[in-house]
Amino acid sequence: MLKDIIKKEILETITSAKFVFTFLLCAILILLSVYTGIVNYRADQKEFSAAVALNKKNLESQSSYQALAGLGTKINKPPQVLGAISTGVNEAVGRVATVNIAYDPSLVDSKYESNPVFSVFGALDLTFIVKIVLSLFAILFTYDAIVGEKEKGTLKLTLSNRVPRDRLILGKVIGGFISLLIPLIIPLILSLLILLVYPNISLAGQDWLRLLLMFLMFFLYLSVFFTLGLLVSARTSKSSTSFLVLLFIWVIFVTIIPKLSVMSAGRLKPIPSVHEITAKKDAFLQQIQGGAQKQVMDWAKENSAMAAKDQKGYQEKLRKFLEDWQQDLTSKIDENNAALERDYQAKKKSQERLAINISRISPASALTFSTMSFARTGLDEHERFLASIRAYKPIFTKWASAKMMRTFDFSGSGQTAKVVLDDMPQHKFEPETLSKSLARTIPDFGLMLFLIIVFFAGAYVSFLKFDVR
């Protein structure tokens, strides 16, 4: 009997105009979003390769190590292939950081900076399609699943044939959910084929696992709204009332809670602005530069007698002093900036965590954070990349300072050593492992499963008590 109920539910759904419209629209939107994401990823790859080559050329063309140290090297953030599925924060945050001996590096040049119109419309990725469009379709499929049949009289007729209510609701759930998944599964399979055959797109074994976990999260997210629709449909007496209640809950989940969480976290845990931190760094820089200049003058006075007697020995001693002086100066600046940055980042991270934890009561936020984690396009990956750049700065500074002092022209002949990059330390960044990404998304999976169980149990109990008259 359960099998017959499931068949009936599927046939009634897939032969309706509502299903045909949903399937066509989902296929178009999903395939378009994946194709657009792949094209954008390929463009980002080309831009990244060109930027790396241009940076190397600029470094090699510098006239001296002093000029190189002041110019600095540019670190570009490599694009992530799964960003084609979930863009995350990649377009909103910077993609390039300049590392030199003077300033603390920060990421700049986001796509929103290059073209502000992107910030108005946002990205059309697969996560957005599922979060907004398919969740509305889940509501459209279920708002009248029970109360609609009551209004038509078919529910009373079905139950008059001594069909057990528990089997009827199970059949509706299984059949309805299969019908809802068809417009999602077929376009997703076609999207995977596009990823396989598209040139210069390569997914490693871990990338496929990440992709499958993202798809699993999509299914769980739609299941939340599907079971919610059944619950509301079993608790209301009119289809119009059911639809309005579901639409109101959808607005709360998808738009209100995520925005309120950010506002609440800002109020509960305020942090200093970036301008305040920059002002403190600049004030310390001016203070230490004044003291450093006095230190050089004092050394010159103490060794003035040696300069007249032994010019060559004086130059060697001066070279050693300047090298140690430069290293000490940059170390103090880096330590101060690092301390300020650690304090700022700790407060910022605390505020972000609070906002994320508050917003996670919304399945839409849980979907967003989990897919960003699996695609390596989230806040955590951005912070890890920025931290790796800041860890690289003292390494680059030490190398550049040593090169400057060893090649400094004391004779005043104007001859400078040729810039050689063979021994220049390279920035290294290891993407997050799948195990860490999965550990971070456990609360999101837990929330989805909890809501599905609660909503299904509520719909099940409500239907057993539902008045079909």
Protein backbone atom coordinates (compact mmCIF):
# COMPACT_ATOMS: atom_id res chain seq x y z
CA MET A 1 0.00 0.00 0.00
CA LEU A 2 2.83 2.40 0.86
CA LYS A 3 4.38 1.75 -2.55
CA ASP A 4 1.10 2.61 -4.28
CA ILE A 5 0.78 5.85 -2.31
CA ILE A 6 4.34 6.86 -3.27
CA LYS A 7 3.68 6.10 -6.96
CA LYS A 8 0.46 8.08 -6.90
CA GLU A 9 2.15 11.05 -5.25
CA ILE A 10 5.02 11.05 -7.76
CA LEU A 11 2.74 10.69 -10.80
CA GLU A 12 0.41 13.45 -9.65
CA THR A 13 3.36 15.77 -9.09
CA ILE A 14 5.44 15.15 -12.22
CA THR A 15 2.41 15.41 -14.51
CA SER A 16 1.44 18.82 -13.13
CA ALA A 17 2.27 22.12 -14.81
CA LYS A 18 3.92 23.21 -11.56
CA PHE A 19 6.51 20.43 -11.86
CA VAL A 20 7.28 21.13 -15.53
CA PHE A 21 7.83 24.82 -14.79
CA THR A 22 10.00 24.00 -11.78
CA PHE A 23 12.10 21.48 -13.67
CA LEU A 24 12.77 23.78 -16.62
CA LEU A 25 13.62 26.77 -14.46
CA CYS A 26 15.89 24.72 -12.16
CA ALA A 27 17.71 23.17 -15.11
CA ILE A 28 18.33 26.55 -16.71
CA LEU A 29 19.43 28.27 -13.49
CA ILE A 30 21.64 25.44 -12.20
CA LEU A 31 23.43 24.85 -15.50
CA LEU A 32 23.81 28.59 -16.07
CA SER A 33 25.26 29.14 -12.58
CA VAL A 34 27.76 26.27 -12.91
CA TYR A 35 28.83 27.32 -16.41
CA THR A 36 29.22 30.95 -15.30
CA GLY A 37 31.23 29.81 -12.28
CA ILE A 38 33.56 27.75 -14.47
CA VAL A 39 34.09 30.64 -16.88
CA ASN A 40 34.86 32.98 -13.98
CA TYR A 41 37.28 30.46 -12.50
CA ARG A 42 39.15 30.15 -15.81
CA ALA A 43 39.34 33.94 -16.04
CA ASP A 44 40.66 34.12 -12.47
CA GLN A 45 43.26 31.46 -13.32
CA LYS A 46 44.56 33.49 -16.25
CA GLU A 47 44.58 36.67 -14.17
CA PHE A 48 46.47 34.89 -11.37
CA SER A 49 49.13 33.50 -13.74
CA ALA A 50 49.59 36.89 -15.40
CA ALA A 51 49.87 38.66 -12.02
CA VAL A 52 52.52 36.20 -10.76
CA ALA A 53 54.58 36.61 -13.95
CA LEU A 54 54.27 40.41 -13.83
CA ASN A 55 55.35 40.51 -10.19
CA LYS A 56 58.46 38.47 -10.95
CA LYS A 57 59.30 40.72 -13.88
CA ASN A 58 58.89 43.86 -11.76
CA LEU A 59 61.17 42.47 -9.05
CA GLU A 60 63.88 41.51 -11.53
CA SER A 61 63.75 44.95 -13.17
CA GLN A 62 64.55 46.83 -9.94
CA SER A 63 67.79 48.78 -10.00
CA SER A 64 68.86 47.74 -6.49
CA TYR A 65 67.84 45.72 -3.47
CA GLN A 66 66.90 48.99 -1.75
CA ALA A 67 64.34 49.66 -4.47
CA LEU A 68 63.14 46.05 -4.31
CA ALA A 69 62.69 46.20 -0.54
CA GLY A 70 60.67 49.41 -0.80
CA LEU A 71 58.55 48.14 -3.69
CA GLY A 72 57.96 44.75 -2.11
CA THR A 73 56.61 41.58 -3.64
CA LYS A 74 52.94 41.01 -4.44
CA ILE A 75 51.24 37.87 -3.16
CA ASN A 76 48.17 36.86 -5.18
CA LYS A 77 45.49 34.59 -3.79
CA PRO A 78 45.08 31.53 -6.03
CA PRO A 79 41.52 30.83 -7.26
CA GLN A 80 39.66 27.79 -5.95
CA VAL A 81 38.06 25.45 -8.46
CA LEU A 82 35.03 24.81 -6.23
CA GLY A 83 34.46 28.55 -6.18
CA ALA A 84 32.51 27.79 -9.35
CA ILE A 85 29.89 26.19 -7.10
CA SER A 86 30.08 28.47 -4.07
CA THR A 87 31.70 31.88 -4.56
CA GLY A 88 31.75 32.63 -0.84
CA VAL A 89 33.56 35.80 0.19
CA ASN A 90 36.12 35.66 -2.62
CA GLU A 91 34.60 38.48 -4.64
CA ALA A 92 34.10 40.73 -1.61
CA VAL A 93 37.57 40.47 -0.05
CA GLY A 94 40.95 41.41 -1.46
CA ARG A 95 42.98 39.14 -3.73
CA VAL A 96 46.44 40.78 -3.61
CA ALA A 97 48.78 41.75 -0.77
CA THR A 98 52.02 43.73 -1.02
CA VAL A 99 54.82 42.57 1.28
CA ASN A 100 57.65 45.07 1.83
CA ILE A 101 59.92 46.09 4.69
CA ALA A 102 57.81 49.08 5.75
CA TYR A 103 54.12 48.29 6.08
CA ASP A 104 52.00 45.50 7.46
CA PRO A 105 50.45 43.58 4.53
CA SER A 106 46.73 43.51 3.89
CA LEU A 107 44.62 42.09 1.07
CA VAL A 108 43.27 44.61 -1.44
CA ASP A 109 41.84 44.68 -4.98
CA SER A 110 38.59 42.78 -4.58
CA LYS A 111 36.23 42.39 -7.53
CA TYR A 112 33.84 44.76 -5.79
CA GLU A 113 36.59 47.40 -5.75
CA SER A 114 37.34 46.85 -9.44
CA ASN A 115 33.68 46.95 -10.43
CA PRO A 116 31.27 48.11 -7.69
CA VAL A 117 28.23 46.96 -9.68
CA PHE A 118 29.06 43.38 -8.57
CA SER A 119 28.33 44.38 -4.98
CA VAL A 120 24.82 45.46 -5.99
CA PHE A 121 23.75 42.21 -7.64
CA GLY A 122 26.10 39.69 -6.01
CA ALA A 123 27.16 36.35 -7.43
CA LEU A 124 24.86 33.87 -9.16
CA ASP A 125 26.35 30.63 -7.90
CA LEU A 126 24.77 27.25 -7.23
CA THR A 127 24.55 27.89 -3.50
CA PHE A 128 22.48 31.01 -4.15
CA ILE A 129 20.16 29.09 -6.50
CA VAL A 130 19.54 26.37 -3.90
CA LYS A 131 19.26 28.76 -0.96
CA ILE A 132 16.77 31.13 -2.60
CA VAL A 133 15.05 29.55 -5.60
CA LEU A 134 14.84 25.86 -4.72
CA SER A 135 13.79 26.52 -1.13
CA LEU A 136 10.85 28.51 -2.50
CA PHE A 137 10.02 25.61 -4.80
CA ALA A 138 10.07 23.28 -1.77
CA ILE A 139 7.44 25.52 -0.20
CA LEU A 140 5.48 25.59 -3.47
CA PHE A 141 5.45 21.77 -3.55
CA THR A 142 4.25 21.29 0.04
CA TYR A 143 2.13 24.24 1.17
CA ASP A 144 -1.06 22.48 -0.01
CA ALA A 145 0.13 18.87 0.30
CA ILE A 146 -2.34 18.13 3.11
CA VAL A 147 -4.66 21.08 3.55
CA GLY A 148 -5.05 21.36 -0.24
CA GLU A 149 -6.34 17.80 -0.47
CA LYS A 150 -8.71 18.56 2.37
CA GLU A 151 -10.12 21.53 0.46
CA LYS A 152 -10.55 19.38 -2.68
CA GLY A 153 -12.18 16.58 -0.70
CA THR A 154 -9.69 13.96 -1.91
CA LEU A 155 -8.14 13.49 1.52
CA LYS A 156 -11.49 12.53 3.09
CA LEU A 157 -12.17 10.20 0.18
CA THR A 158 -8.79 8.51 0.52
CA LEU A 159 -9.12 7.97 4.25
CA SER A 160 -12.64 6.59 3.80
CA ASN A 161 -11.01 3.60 2.07
CA ARG A 162 -9.40 2.65 5.38
CA VAL A 163 -5.94 3.81 4.36
CA PRO A 164 -3.81 4.10 7.53
CA ARG A 165 -2.90 7.68 8.23
CA ASP A 166 0.69 6.85 9.11
CA ARG A 167 1.26 5.15 5.75
CA LEU A 168 -0.46 7.96 3.91
CA ILE A 169 1.75 10.64 5.43
CA LEU A 170 4.89 8.51 4.87
CA GLY A 171 3.90 7.98 1.26
CA LYS A 172 3.33 11.69 0.78
CA VAL A 173 6.69 12.51 2.33
CA ILE A 174 8.67 10.01 0.26
CA GLY A 175 6.83 10.61 -2.99
CA GLY A 176 6.82 14.37 -2.62
CA PHE A 177 10.50 14.53 -1.75
CA ILE A 178 11.48 12.34 -4.71
CA SER A 179 9.47 14.63 -6.96
CA LEU A 180 11.23 17.66 -5.50
CA LEU A 181 14.68 16.14 -5.96
CA ILE A 182 14.20 15.33 -9.65
CA PRO A 183 14.53 19.00 -10.76
CA LEU A 184 17.72 19.18 -8.67
CA ILE A 185 19.42 15.84 -9.33
CA ILE A 186 19.25 15.81 -13.13
CA PRO A 187 20.76 19.33 -13.57
CA LEU A 188 23.40 18.50 -10.94
CA ILE A 189 24.45 15.39 -12.88
CA LEU A 190 24.69 17.48 -16.06
CA SER A 191 26.76 20.02 -14.12
CA LEU A 192 29.18 17.29 -13.05
CA LEU A 193 29.54 16.27 -16.69
CA ILE A 194 30.38 19.87 -17.59
CA LEU A 195 33.08 19.90 -14.90
CA LEU A 196 34.49 16.67 -16.29
CA VAL A 197 34.66 17.68 -19.95
CA TYR A 198 35.44 21.39 -19.64
CA PRO A 199 39.08 22.02 -20.67
CA ASN A 200 41.67 22.97 -18.04
CA ILE A 201 39.33 22.14 -15.15
CA SER A 202 40.81 19.45 -12.93
CA LEU A 203 39.28 18.19 -9.70
CA ALA A 204 41.44 16.19 -7.30
CA GLY A 205 40.06 13.29 -5.28
CA GLN A 206 39.50 15.53 -2.26
CA ASP A 207 37.68 18.06 -4.45
CA TRP A 208 35.16 15.41 -5.51
CA LEU A 209 34.52 14.52 -1.88
CA ARG A 210 34.03 18.18 -1.06
CA LEU A 211 31.62 18.51 -3.97
CA LEU A 212 29.59 15.49 -2.85
CA LEU A 213 29.37 16.90 0.68
CA MET A 214 28.13 20.20 -0.76
CA PHE A 215 25.43 18.32 -2.71
CA LEU A 216 24.48 16.44 0.46
CA MET A 217 24.06 19.77 2.24
CA PHE A 218 21.83 20.96 -0.63
CA PHE A 219 19.59 17.92 -0.16
CA LEU A 220 19.38 18.41 3.61
CA TYR A 221 18.58 22.10 3.18
CA LEU A 222 15.70 21.36 0.82
CA SER A 223 14.51 18.63 3.19
CA VAL A 224 14.21 21.24 5.94
CA PHE A 225 11.81 23.39 3.93
CA PHE A 226 10.02 20.33 2.55
CA THR A 227 9.23 18.95 6.02
CA LEU A 228 8.44 22.47 7.26
CA GLY A 229 5.91 22.81 4.44
CA LEU A 230 4.25 19.53 5.45
CA LEU A 231 4.12 20.62 9.09
CA VAL A 232 2.47 23.95 8.30
CA SER A 233 0.13 22.32 5.79
CA ALA A 234 -0.98 19.87 8.49
CA ARG A 235 -1.48 22.67 11.06
CA THR A 236 -3.59 25.09 8.98
CA SER A 237 -7.12 24.97 7.63
CA LYS A 238 -6.61 26.84 4.35
CA SER A 239 -4.02 26.61 1.59
CA SER A 240 -3.73 30.40 1.42
CA THR A 241 -2.97 30.57 5.14
CA SER A 242 -0.38 27.80 4.82
CA PHE A 243 1.39 29.58 1.98
CA LEU A 244 1.50 32.92 3.82
CA VAL A 245 2.84 31.31 7.01
CA LEU A 246 5.53 29.46 5.07
CA LEU A 247 6.50 32.57 3.14
CA PHE A 248 6.81 34.52 6.40
CA ILE A 249 9.03 31.79 7.94
CA TRP A 250 11.11 31.67 4.75
CA VAL A 251 11.75 35.43 4.93
CA ILE A 252 12.76 35.11 8.59
CA PHE A 253 15.13 32.21 7.91
CA VAL A 254 16.72 33.45 4.69
CA THR A 255 16.96 37.22 5.10
CA ILE A 256 16.11 38.50 8.58
CA ILE A 257 18.12 36.20 10.88
CA PRO A 258 21.45 36.47 8.95
CA LYS A 259 21.30 40.27 8.93
CA LEU A 260 20.17 40.56 12.55
CA SER A 261 22.99 38.27 13.67
CA VAL A 262 25.61 40.62 12.23
CA MET A 263 23.97 43.67 13.80
CA SER A 264 23.64 41.93 17.17
CA ALA A 265 27.26 40.77 17.19
CA GLY A 266 28.40 44.32 16.38
CA ARG A 267 26.47 45.64 19.35
CA LEU A 268 27.47 42.90 21.79
CA LYS A 269 31.16 42.77 20.85
CA PRO A 270 32.30 46.06 19.30
CA ILE A 271 35.79 46.22 17.82
CA PRO A 272 38.08 49.15 16.93
CA SER A 273 38.06 50.32 13.32
CA VAL A 274 40.84 49.54 10.87
CA HIS A 275 41.72 53.26 10.82
CA GLU A 276 42.39 53.22 14.58
CA ILE A 277 44.77 50.27 14.23
CA THR A 278 46.54 51.93 11.30
CA ALA A 279 46.91 55.16 13.27
CA LYS A 280 48.55 53.28 16.17
CA LYS A 281 50.97 51.56 13.78
CA ASP A 282 51.91 54.88 12.15
CA ALA A 283 52.44 56.55 15.54
CA PHE A 284 54.80 53.79 16.66
CA LEU A 285 56.65 53.94 13.31
CA GLN A 286 57.29 57.68 13.72
CA GLN A 287 58.39 57.21 17.31
CA ILE A 288 60.87 54.44 16.57
CA GLN A 289 62.24 56.15 13.46
CA GLY A 290 63.11 59.20 15.55
CA GLY A 291 64.98 57.05 18.05
CA ALA A 292 66.69 55.10 15.26
CA GLN A 293 68.05 58.27 13.64
CA LYS A 294 69.52 59.36 16.98
CA GLN A 295 71.12 55.93 17.36
CA VAL A 296 72.87 56.27 13.98
CA MET A 297 74.12 59.75 14.82
CA ASP A 298 75.47 58.57 18.20
CA TRP A 299 77.29 55.67 16.53
CA ALA A 300 78.82 58.02 13.94
CA LYS A 301 80.12 60.31 16.69
CA GLU A 302 81.61 57.42 18.65
CA ASN A 303 83.43 56.09 15.60
CA SER A 304 84.43 59.39 13.98
CA ALA A 305 88.08 58.89 14.93
CA MET A 306 88.18 55.51 13.24
CA ALA A 307 86.72 57.00 10.04
CA ALA A 308 89.78 59.28 9.72
CA LYS A 309 92.38 56.58 10.48
CA ASP A 310 91.03 53.38 8.87
CA GLN A 311 88.50 54.09 6.13
CA LYS A 312 88.20 50.48 4.99
CA GLY A 313 87.76 49.13 8.51
CA TYR A 314 85.28 51.89 9.24
CA GLN A 315 83.16 50.92 6.23
CA GLU A 316 83.08 47.27 7.24
CA LYS A 317 82.13 48.19 10.81
CA LEU A 318 79.48 50.58 9.49
CA ARG A 319 78.09 47.91 7.20
CA LYS A 320 77.78 45.47 10.11
CA PHE A 321 76.22 48.15 12.33
CA LEU A 322 73.68 49.15 9.68
CA GLU A 323 72.74 45.53 9.02
CA ASP A 324 72.14 44.89 12.74
CA TRP A 325 70.44 48.26 13.11
CA GLN A 326 68.10 47.56 10.18
CA GLN A 327 67.24 44.11 11.48
CA ASP A 328 66.55 45.47 14.98
CA LEU A 329 64.43 48.32 13.60
CA THR A 330 62.27 46.11 11.39
CA SER A 331 61.95 43.52 14.17
CA LYS A 332 60.58 46.10 16.60
CA ILE A 333 58.15 47.43 13.98
CA ASP A 334 57.01 43.93 13.05
CA GLU A 335 56.59 42.91 16.69
CA ASN A 336 54.50 45.99 17.48
CA ASN A 337 52.37 45.59 14.36
CA ALA A 338 51.96 41.89 15.04
CA ALA A 339 50.82 42.56 18.63
CA LEU A 340 48.29 45.16 17.46
CA GLU A 341 47.14 42.87 14.69
CA ARG A 342 46.78 39.88 17.01
CA ASP A 343 44.64 41.86 19.40
CA TYR A 344 42.53 43.26 16.56
CA GLN A 345 42.14 39.90 14.82
CA ALA A 346 41.21 38.20 18.11
CA LYS A 347 38.45 40.74 18.76
CA LYS A 348 37.34 40.59 15.13
CA LYS A 349 37.27 36.79 15.13
CA SER A 350 35.29 36.78 18.37
CA GLN A 351 32.73 39.11 16.81
CA GLU A 352 32.59 37.01 13.64
CA ARG A 353 32.12 33.80 15.63
CA LEU A 354 29.29 35.34 17.60
CA ALA A 355 27.58 36.52 14.41
CA ILE A 356 28.03 33.11 12.79
CA ASN A 357 26.74 31.21 15.83
CA ILE A 358 23.67 33.45 16.11
CA SER A 359 22.92 33.18 12.40
CA ARG A 360 23.30 29.39 12.45
CA ILE A 361 19.81 29.02 13.87
CA SER A 362 18.82 29.75 10.27
CA PRO A 363 19.25 26.81 7.86
CA ALA A 364 20.10 29.32 5.12
CA SER A 365 23.13 30.52 7.07
CA ALA A 366 24.14 26.95 7.88
CA LEU A 367 24.01 26.15 4.16
CA THR A 368 26.08 29.21 3.29
CA PHE A 369 28.81 28.58 5.86
CA SER A 370 29.09 24.86 5.15
CA THR A 371 29.31 25.19 1.35
CA MET A 372 31.87 28.00 1.69
CA SER A 373 33.97 25.77 3.96
CA PHE A 374 33.88 22.86 1.52
CA ALA A 375 34.64 25.16 -1.45
CA ARG A 376 37.49 26.86 0.50
CA THR A 377 35.95 30.25 -0.21
CA GLY A 378 34.85 31.17 3.31
CA LEU A 379 36.04 33.54 6.01
CA ASP A 380 38.30 30.96 7.64
CA GLU A 381 40.23 30.29 4.44
CA HIS A 382 40.56 34.03 3.85
CA GLU A 383 41.93 34.57 7.36
CA ARG A 384 44.33 31.64 7.00
CA PHE A 385 45.68 33.06 3.74
CA LEU A 386 46.11 36.52 5.27
CA ALA A 387 47.85 35.00 8.31
CA SER A 388 50.26 33.14 6.01
CA ILE A 389 51.16 36.43 4.30
CA ARG A 390 51.82 38.15 7.63
CA ALA A 391 53.98 35.20 8.69
CA TYR A 392 55.90 35.56 5.44
CA LYS A 393 56.60 39.30 5.94
CA PRO A 394 59.42 38.97 8.55
CA ILE A 395 61.03 36.27 6.40
CA PHE A 396 61.00 38.55 3.36
CA THR A 397 62.09 41.55 5.46
CA LYS A 398 65.09 39.69 6.87
CA TRP A 399 66.18 38.59 3.39
CA ALA A 400 65.71 42.05 1.84
CA SER A 401 67.48 43.84 4.72
CA ALA A 402 70.45 41.50 4.53
CA LYS A 403 70.69 41.99 0.77
CA MET A 404 70.51 45.78 1.14
CA MET A 405 73.30 45.95 3.70
CA ARG A 406 75.60 43.55 1.86
CA THR A 407 75.27 45.41 -1.42
CA PHE A 408 75.25 48.97 -0.03
CA ASP A 409 77.64 51.25 -1.96
CA PHE A 410 79.79 53.05 0.65
CA SER A 411 82.26 54.32 -1.93
CA GLY A 412 79.70 56.54 -3.63
CA SER A 413 80.65 55.21 -7.07
CA GLY A 414 77.02 54.77 -8.02
CA GLN A 415 77.46 51.10 -8.87
CA THR A 416 74.70 48.82 -7.58
CA ALA A 417 74.56 45.05 -7.41
CA LYS A 418 72.29 43.28 -9.85
CA VAL A 419 69.09 42.00 -8.31
CA VAL A 420 69.07 38.19 -8.15
CA LEU A 421 65.95 36.37 -6.95
CA ASP A 422 67.32 32.83 -6.82
CA ASP A 423 67.57 32.77 -3.03
CA MET A 424 64.52 34.91 -2.35
CA PRO A 425 62.18 33.07 0.09
CA GLN A 426 58.84 32.17 -1.47
CA HIS A 427 55.42 32.51 0.13
CA LYS A 428 53.79 29.16 0.84
CA PHE A 429 50.15 28.49 1.61
CA GLU A 430 48.59 25.11 2.26
CA PRO A 431 44.80 24.95 1.71
CA GLU A 432 42.71 23.58 4.54
CA THR A 433 42.36 19.81 4.73
CA LEU A 434 39.01 18.10 4.25
CA SER A 435 38.98 16.80 7.84
CA LYS A 436 39.19 20.33 9.26
CA SER A 437 36.52 21.62 6.89
CA LEU A 438 34.27 18.73 7.84
CA ALA A 439 34.83 19.31 11.55
CA ARG A 440 33.79 22.94 11.14
CA THR A 441 30.56 22.00 9.35
CA ILE A 442 29.38 19.40 11.88
CA PRO A 443 27.12 21.99 13.63
CA ASP A 444 25.55 22.82 10.25
CA PHE A 445 24.84 19.18 9.46
CA GLY A 446 23.54 18.72 13.01
CA LEU A 447 21.18 21.69 12.71
CA MET A 448 19.79 20.45 9.39
CA LEU A 449 19.15 16.95 10.73
CA PHE A 450 17.61 18.31 13.93
CA LEU A 451 15.19 20.57 12.03
CA ILE A 452 14.25 17.79 9.61
CA ILE A 453 13.45 15.41 12.48
CA VAL A 454 11.49 18.03 14.43
CA PHE A 455 9.49 19.23 11.41
CA PHE A 456 8.79 15.69 10.19
CA ALA A 457 7.74 14.52 13.66
CA GLY A 458 5.48 17.56 13.99
CA ALA A 459 3.94 16.92 10.57
CA TYR A 460 3.49 13.22 11.34
CA VAL A 461 1.76 13.80 14.69
CA SER A 462 -0.32 16.68 13.32
CA PHE A 463 -1.56 14.58 10.41
CA LEU A 464 -2.59 11.73 12.70
CA LYS A 465 -4.83 14.25 14.48
CA PHE A 466 -5.80 16.21 11.36
CA ASP A 467 -9.52 16.94 10.92
CA VAL A 468 -10.37 16.01 7.31
CA ARG A 469 -13.92 17.43 7.48
